[in-house]
């Protein structure tokens, strides 16, 4: 298992799905099983594809920037900055588990909206 390969594949997988190609992302990067822990997305590959196809249809102008990517053992953590319509911005942290064949098989995430004002001068990155 290559940490650098997992890191590159996690970024490519998420970017491809986020930018409107979830079926291709699943075909290229996911193994025989996909366990989803986000309560807003149905379990399995069909739920993933359906969710990201809907997001692309409803919000085609959304964008994502990958701020950090941290691989460890069979996990990769992504720290991203998402911008949605009306300058609605979010910090996300996604965790992907890879199987013994180097394919993504499980996902967790946490999402926090970036407030318009902050009590300190630090960014959320």
N, C-alpha and C. Protein backbone atom coordinates (compact mmCIF):
# COMPACT_ATOMS: atom_id res chain seq x y z
N UNK A 1 0.85 -1.18 0.00
CA UNK A 1 0.00 0.00 0.00
C UNK A 1 0.89 1.24 0.00
N UNK A 2 0.68 2.12 -0.96
CA UNK A 2 1.47 3.33 -1.09
C UNK A 2 0.71 4.53 -0.54
N UNK A 3 1.28 5.18 0.46
CA UNK A 3 0.62 6.36 1.04
C UNK A 3 0.47 7.46 0.00
N UNK A 4 1.49 7.67 -0.81
CA UNK A 4 1.43 8.73 -1.83
C UNK A 4 0.37 8.42 -2.89
N UNK A 5 0.26 7.16 -3.27
CA UNK A 5 -0.76 6.77 -4.25
C UNK A 5 -2.15 6.95 -3.65
N UNK A 6 -2.35 6.53 -2.41
CA UNK A 6 -3.65 6.71 -1.75
C UNK A 6 -4.00 8.19 -1.65
N UNK A 7 -3.01 9.00 -1.32
CA UNK A 7 -3.22 10.45 -1.21
C UNK A 7 -3.68 11.02 -2.56
N UNK A 8 -2.96 10.70 -3.63
CA UNK A 8 -3.33 11.19 -4.96
C UNK A 8 -4.70 10.67 -5.38
N UNK A 9 -4.99 9.41 -5.07
CA UNK A 9 -6.28 8.82 -5.46
C UNK A 9 -7.44 9.42 -4.68
N UNK A 10 -7.25 9.72 -3.40
CA UNK A 10 -8.32 10.34 -2.61
C UNK A 10 -8.67 11.72 -3.18
N UNK A 11 -7.64 12.51 -3.51
CA UNK A 11 -7.89 13.84 -4.09
C UNK A 11 -8.58 13.71 -5.44
N UNK A 12 -8.08 12.85 -6.30
CA UNK A 12 -8.66 12.68 -7.63
C UNK A 12 -10.11 12.19 -7.53
N UNK A 13 -10.36 11.25 -6.64
CA UNK A 13 -11.71 10.71 -6.44
C UNK A 13 -12.68 11.81 -6.02
N UNK A 14 -12.30 12.57 -5.01
CA UNK A 14 -13.21 13.58 -4.49
C UNK A 14 -13.40 14.71 -5.48
N UNK A 15 -12.32 15.15 -6.13
CA UNK A 15 -12.44 16.23 -7.13
C UNK A 15 -13.36 15.79 -8.27
N UNK A 16 -13.16 14.57 -8.77
CA UNK A 16 -13.96 14.07 -9.88
C UNK A 16 -15.45 14.02 -9.51
N UNK A 17 -15.76 13.51 -8.34
CA UNK A 17 -17.16 13.43 -7.90
C UNK A 17 -17.73 14.82 -7.70
N UNK A 18 -16.99 15.69 -7.02
CA UNK A 18 -17.46 17.04 -6.70
C UNK A 18 -17.71 17.86 -7.96
N UNK A 19 -16.88 17.63 -8.98
CA UNK A 19 -17.00 18.39 -10.22
C UNK A 19 -17.96 17.76 -11.22
N UNK A 20 -18.73 16.74 -10.79
CA UNK A 20 -19.82 16.25 -11.61
C UNK A 20 -19.62 14.92 -12.31
N UNK A 21 -18.61 14.15 -11.92
CA UNK A 21 -18.39 12.85 -12.54
C UNK A 21 -18.33 11.74 -11.49
N UNK A 22 -19.38 11.60 -10.66
CA UNK A 22 -19.32 10.60 -9.60
C UNK A 22 -19.28 9.16 -10.10
N UNK A 23 -19.94 8.86 -11.21
CA UNK A 23 -19.91 7.49 -11.74
C UNK A 23 -18.49 7.11 -12.15
N UNK A 24 -17.80 8.03 -12.81
CA UNK A 24 -16.42 7.78 -13.21
C UNK A 24 -15.52 7.64 -11.99
N UNK A 25 -15.75 8.48 -10.97
CA UNK A 25 -14.96 8.40 -9.74
C UNK A 25 -15.13 7.04 -9.07
N UNK A 26 -16.35 6.55 -9.01
CA UNK A 26 -16.61 5.23 -8.42
C UNK A 26 -15.90 4.15 -9.24
N UNK A 27 -16.05 4.20 -10.55
CA UNK A 27 -15.45 3.18 -11.41
C UNK A 27 -13.93 3.13 -11.28
N UNK A 28 -13.30 4.27 -11.13
CA UNK A 28 -11.84 4.33 -11.10
C UNK A 28 -11.24 4.07 -9.73
N UNK A 29 -11.93 4.50 -8.66
CA UNK A 29 -11.26 4.54 -7.36
C UNK A 29 -11.89 3.72 -6.24
N UNK A 30 -13.08 3.14 -6.46
CA UNK A 30 -13.78 2.42 -5.40
C UNK A 30 -13.77 0.93 -5.69
N UNK A 31 -13.62 0.16 -4.62
CA UNK A 31 -13.61 -1.30 -4.75
C UNK A 31 -15.01 -1.88 -4.76
N UNK A 32 -15.14 -3.10 -4.31
CA UNK A 32 -16.42 -3.81 -4.36
C UNK A 32 -17.39 -3.34 -3.28
N UNK A 33 -16.90 -2.59 -2.30
CA UNK A 33 -17.75 -2.14 -1.19
C UNK A 33 -17.49 -0.65 -0.95
N UNK A 34 -18.56 0.10 -0.63
CA UNK A 34 -18.40 1.51 -0.26
C UNK A 34 -19.33 1.79 0.90
N UNK A 35 -18.76 2.01 2.07
CA UNK A 35 -19.52 2.27 3.29
C UNK A 35 -19.54 3.78 3.51
N UNK A 36 -20.73 4.33 3.63
CA UNK A 36 -20.91 5.77 3.77
C UNK A 36 -21.37 6.10 5.20
N UNK A 37 -20.69 7.05 5.85
CA UNK A 37 -21.06 7.45 7.20
C UNK A 37 -21.74 8.82 7.26
N UNK A 38 -21.78 9.56 6.15
CA UNK A 38 -22.49 10.84 6.12
C UNK A 38 -23.99 10.52 6.14
N UNK A 39 -24.74 11.02 7.14
CA UNK A 39 -26.15 10.67 7.25
C UNK A 39 -27.03 11.27 6.15
N UNK A 40 -26.48 12.17 5.33
CA UNK A 40 -27.26 12.78 4.25
C UNK A 40 -27.08 12.05 2.92
N UNK A 41 -26.26 11.01 2.92
CA UNK A 41 -25.96 10.27 1.69
C UNK A 41 -26.27 8.79 1.94
N UNK A 42 -27.02 8.18 1.03
CA UNK A 42 -27.35 6.76 1.18
C UNK A 42 -26.08 5.91 1.10
N UNK A 43 -26.09 4.79 1.78
CA UNK A 43 -24.96 3.87 1.79
C UNK A 43 -24.73 3.28 0.41
N UNK A 44 -23.50 2.93 0.12
CA UNK A 44 -23.17 2.26 -1.15
C UNK A 44 -22.88 3.23 -2.28
N UNK A 45 -22.47 2.66 -3.40
CA UNK A 45 -22.06 3.48 -4.54
C UNK A 45 -23.24 4.20 -5.20
N UNK A 46 -24.41 3.57 -5.25
CA UNK A 46 -25.56 4.22 -5.87
C UNK A 46 -25.95 5.49 -5.12
N UNK A 47 -25.91 5.43 -3.79
CA UNK A 47 -26.23 6.60 -2.98
C UNK A 47 -25.23 7.72 -3.22
N UNK A 48 -23.96 7.37 -3.32
CA UNK A 48 -22.91 8.35 -3.59
C UNK A 48 -23.12 9.03 -4.95
N UNK A 49 -23.36 8.22 -5.96
CA UNK A 49 -23.56 8.75 -7.32
C UNK A 49 -24.78 9.66 -7.36
N UNK A 50 -25.87 9.21 -6.78
CA UNK A 50 -27.10 10.00 -6.76
C UNK A 50 -26.89 11.35 -6.07
N UNK A 51 -26.22 11.34 -4.94
CA UNK A 51 -25.98 12.57 -4.19
C UNK A 51 -25.16 13.56 -5.01
N UNK A 52 -24.05 13.10 -5.57
CA UNK A 52 -23.17 14.03 -6.30
C UNK A 52 -23.75 14.45 -7.65
N UNK A 53 -24.56 13.61 -8.28
CA UNK A 53 -25.24 14.04 -9.50
C UNK A 53 -26.24 15.15 -9.19
N UNK A 54 -26.95 15.00 -8.07
CA UNK A 54 -27.92 16.03 -7.67
C UNK A 54 -27.21 17.33 -7.31
N UNK A 55 -26.10 17.24 -6.59
CA UNK A 55 -25.34 18.45 -6.23
C UNK A 55 -24.83 19.17 -7.48
N UNK A 56 -24.38 18.41 -8.48
CA UNK A 56 -23.89 19.03 -9.70
C UNK A 56 -25.03 19.70 -10.47
N UNK A 57 -26.19 19.05 -10.54
CA UNK A 57 -27.34 19.63 -11.25
C UNK A 57 -27.85 20.88 -10.55
N UNK A 58 -27.89 20.87 -9.22
CA UNK A 58 -28.43 22.01 -8.47
C UNK A 58 -27.42 23.13 -8.28
N UNK A 59 -26.13 22.81 -8.20
CA UNK A 59 -25.10 23.81 -7.89
C UNK A 59 -23.87 23.63 -8.79
N UNK A 60 -24.03 23.79 -10.10
CA UNK A 60 -22.90 23.53 -11.00
C UNK A 60 -21.73 24.50 -10.82
N UNK A 61 -21.96 25.65 -10.21
CA UNK A 61 -20.90 26.65 -10.05
C UNK A 61 -20.10 26.51 -8.75
N UNK A 62 -20.41 25.50 -7.95
CA UNK A 62 -19.67 25.29 -6.70
C UNK A 62 -18.20 24.99 -7.03
N UNK A 63 -17.33 25.23 -6.04
CA UNK A 63 -15.91 24.93 -6.27
C UNK A 63 -15.30 24.35 -4.99
N UNK A 64 -14.16 23.68 -5.17
CA UNK A 64 -13.47 23.06 -4.05
C UNK A 64 -11.98 23.31 -4.19
N UNK A 65 -11.35 23.56 -3.05
CA UNK A 65 -9.89 23.72 -2.99
C UNK A 65 -9.38 22.77 -1.92
N UNK A 66 -8.37 22.00 -2.27
CA UNK A 66 -7.78 21.04 -1.33
C UNK A 66 -6.67 21.75 -0.56
N UNK A 67 -6.88 21.91 0.74
CA UNK A 67 -5.94 22.65 1.58
C UNK A 67 -4.86 21.73 2.15
N UNK A 68 -5.26 20.54 2.59
CA UNK A 68 -4.34 19.57 3.18
C UNK A 68 -4.79 18.15 2.81
N UNK A 69 -3.81 17.27 2.75
CA UNK A 69 -4.09 15.86 2.53
C UNK A 69 -3.09 15.08 3.37
N UNK A 70 -3.62 14.27 4.28
CA UNK A 70 -2.76 13.57 5.24
C UNK A 70 -3.03 12.07 5.15
N UNK A 71 -2.06 11.30 4.64
CA UNK A 71 -2.23 9.85 4.58
C UNK A 71 -1.60 9.18 5.80
N UNK A 72 -2.25 8.13 6.28
CA UNK A 72 -1.69 7.33 7.39
C UNK A 72 -2.29 5.94 7.32
N UNK A 73 -1.43 4.94 7.27
CA UNK A 73 -1.85 3.54 7.16
C UNK A 73 -2.84 3.38 6.00
N UNK A 74 -4.07 2.93 6.27
CA UNK A 74 -5.04 2.75 5.19
C UNK A 74 -6.04 3.90 5.10
N UNK A 75 -5.73 5.04 5.72
CA UNK A 75 -6.62 6.20 5.74
C UNK A 75 -5.98 7.41 5.05
N UNK A 76 -6.84 8.25 4.47
CA UNK A 76 -6.41 9.54 3.94
C UNK A 76 -7.41 10.57 4.45
N UNK A 77 -6.89 11.66 5.02
CA UNK A 77 -7.72 12.77 5.47
C UNK A 77 -7.56 13.94 4.51
N UNK A 78 -8.68 14.51 4.07
CA UNK A 78 -8.67 15.69 3.22
C UNK A 78 -9.28 16.86 3.97
N UNK A 79 -8.63 18.00 3.91
CA UNK A 79 -9.11 19.24 4.52
C UNK A 79 -9.38 20.18 3.35
N UNK A 80 -10.64 20.52 3.13
CA UNK A 80 -10.98 21.29 1.93
C UNK A 80 -11.72 22.58 2.27
N UNK A 81 -11.73 23.46 1.28
CA UNK A 81 -12.49 24.71 1.32
C UNK A 81 -13.46 24.67 0.15
N UNK A 82 -14.75 24.68 0.47
CA UNK A 82 -15.79 24.64 -0.56
C UNK A 82 -16.49 25.99 -0.62
N UNK A 83 -16.74 26.46 -1.84
CA UNK A 83 -17.50 27.69 -2.06
C UNK A 83 -18.73 27.34 -2.88
N UNK A 84 -19.88 27.74 -2.37
CA UNK A 84 -21.17 27.46 -2.99
C UNK A 84 -21.82 28.78 -3.41
N UNK A 85 -22.99 28.75 -4.05
CA UNK A 85 -23.64 29.99 -4.49
C UNK A 85 -23.80 30.99 -3.34
N UNK A 86 -23.84 32.26 -3.73
CA UNK A 86 -23.98 33.37 -2.78
C UNK A 86 -22.80 33.43 -1.81
N UNK A 87 -21.63 32.97 -2.25
CA UNK A 87 -20.41 32.99 -1.45
C UNK A 87 -20.59 32.26 -0.12
N UNK A 88 -21.38 31.20 -0.13
CA UNK A 88 -21.59 30.35 1.04
C UNK A 88 -20.39 29.40 1.10
N UNK A 89 -19.58 29.50 2.17
CA UNK A 89 -18.32 28.77 2.23
C UNK A 89 -18.29 27.78 3.40
N UNK A 90 -17.59 26.67 3.16
CA UNK A 90 -17.51 25.60 4.15
C UNK A 90 -16.09 25.05 4.26
N UNK A 91 -15.75 24.65 5.46
CA UNK A 91 -14.55 23.85 5.72
C UNK A 91 -15.04 22.42 5.83
N UNK A 92 -14.40 21.50 5.13
CA UNK A 92 -14.77 20.10 5.26
C UNK A 92 -13.54 19.28 5.60
N UNK A 93 -13.77 18.21 6.30
CA UNK A 93 -12.74 17.23 6.59
C UNK A 93 -13.33 15.88 6.23
N UNK A 94 -12.73 15.26 5.24
CA UNK A 94 -13.19 13.95 4.76
C UNK A 94 -12.11 12.92 5.06
N UNK A 95 -12.56 11.75 5.44
CA UNK A 95 -11.66 10.65 5.73
C UNK A 95 -12.06 9.47 4.86
N UNK A 96 -11.09 8.91 4.15
CA UNK A 96 -11.32 7.77 3.28
C UNK A 96 -10.47 6.60 3.74
N UNK A 97 -11.08 5.43 3.81
CA UNK A 97 -10.33 4.21 4.11
C UNK A 97 -10.15 3.44 2.81
N UNK A 98 -8.95 2.91 2.63
CA UNK A 98 -8.61 2.14 1.44
C UNK A 98 -8.54 0.65 1.80
N UNK A 99 -8.98 -0.20 0.87
CA UNK A 99 -8.89 -1.64 1.09
C UNK A 99 -7.50 -2.16 0.72
N UNK A 100 -7.31 -3.46 0.83
CA UNK A 100 -5.99 -4.06 0.56
C UNK A 100 -5.58 -3.95 -0.90
N UNK A 101 -6.51 -3.61 -1.79
CA UNK A 101 -6.22 -3.44 -3.22
C UNK A 101 -5.99 -1.99 -3.60
N UNK A 102 -5.96 -1.10 -2.59
CA UNK A 102 -5.75 0.32 -2.87
C UNK A 102 -6.99 1.04 -3.37
N UNK A 103 -8.16 0.49 -3.09
CA UNK A 103 -9.43 1.09 -3.52
C UNK A 103 -10.14 1.69 -2.30
N UNK A 104 -10.83 2.79 -2.52
CA UNK A 104 -11.59 3.43 -1.45
C UNK A 104 -12.77 2.53 -1.08
N UNK A 105 -12.97 2.32 0.22
CA UNK A 105 -14.05 1.44 0.65
C UNK A 105 -14.91 2.02 1.77
N UNK A 106 -14.51 3.19 2.33
CA UNK A 106 -15.29 3.76 3.43
C UNK A 106 -15.02 5.26 3.52
N UNK A 107 -16.04 6.02 3.96
CA UNK A 107 -15.95 7.48 4.02
C UNK A 107 -16.65 8.04 5.25
N UNK A 108 -15.99 9.01 5.89
CA UNK A 108 -16.56 9.81 6.98
C UNK A 108 -16.30 11.27 6.63
N UNK A 109 -17.13 12.19 7.15
CA UNK A 109 -16.83 13.61 6.95
C UNK A 109 -17.40 14.46 8.07
N UNK A 110 -16.88 15.67 8.14
CA UNK A 110 -17.39 16.70 9.05
C UNK A 110 -17.37 18.00 8.26
N UNK A 111 -18.45 18.78 8.38
CA UNK A 111 -18.59 20.01 7.60
C UNK A 111 -18.92 21.15 8.55
N UNK A 112 -18.26 22.28 8.34
CA UNK A 112 -18.52 23.46 9.16
C UNK A 112 -18.62 24.68 8.25
N UNK A 113 -19.69 25.44 8.39
CA UNK A 113 -19.84 26.66 7.59
C UNK A 113 -18.88 27.72 8.10
N UNK A 114 -18.27 28.43 7.18
CA UNK A 114 -17.38 29.53 7.54
C UNK A 114 -18.24 30.76 7.81
N UNK A 115 -18.17 31.32 9.01
CA UNK A 115 -19.02 32.48 9.32
C UNK A 115 -18.53 33.73 8.58
N UNK A 116 -19.42 34.68 8.38
CA UNK A 116 -19.08 35.93 7.71
C UNK A 116 -18.16 36.79 8.57
N UNK A 117 -18.23 36.64 9.89
CA UNK A 117 -17.37 37.41 10.80
C UNK A 117 -16.72 36.44 11.79
N UNK A 118 -15.52 36.83 12.23
CA UNK A 118 -14.78 36.00 13.18
C UNK A 118 -14.29 36.86 14.33
N UNK A 119 -14.19 36.27 15.51
CA UNK A 119 -13.70 37.00 16.68
C UNK A 119 -12.17 37.01 16.74
N UNK A 120 -11.51 36.38 15.73
CA UNK A 120 -10.06 36.42 15.67
C UNK A 120 -9.62 36.58 14.21
N UNK A 121 -8.38 36.95 13.98
CA UNK A 121 -7.91 37.19 12.61
C UNK A 121 -7.45 35.92 11.86
N UNK A 122 -7.58 34.76 12.47
CA UNK A 122 -7.08 33.52 11.88
C UNK A 122 -8.09 32.91 10.91
N UNK A 123 -7.59 32.30 9.86
CA UNK A 123 -8.49 31.59 8.96
C UNK A 123 -8.83 30.24 9.56
N UNK A 124 -9.74 29.54 8.97
CA UNK A 124 -10.10 28.19 9.45
C UNK A 124 -9.20 27.14 8.81
N UNK A 125 -8.12 27.60 8.14
CA UNK A 125 -7.17 26.68 7.53
C UNK A 125 -5.81 26.87 8.12
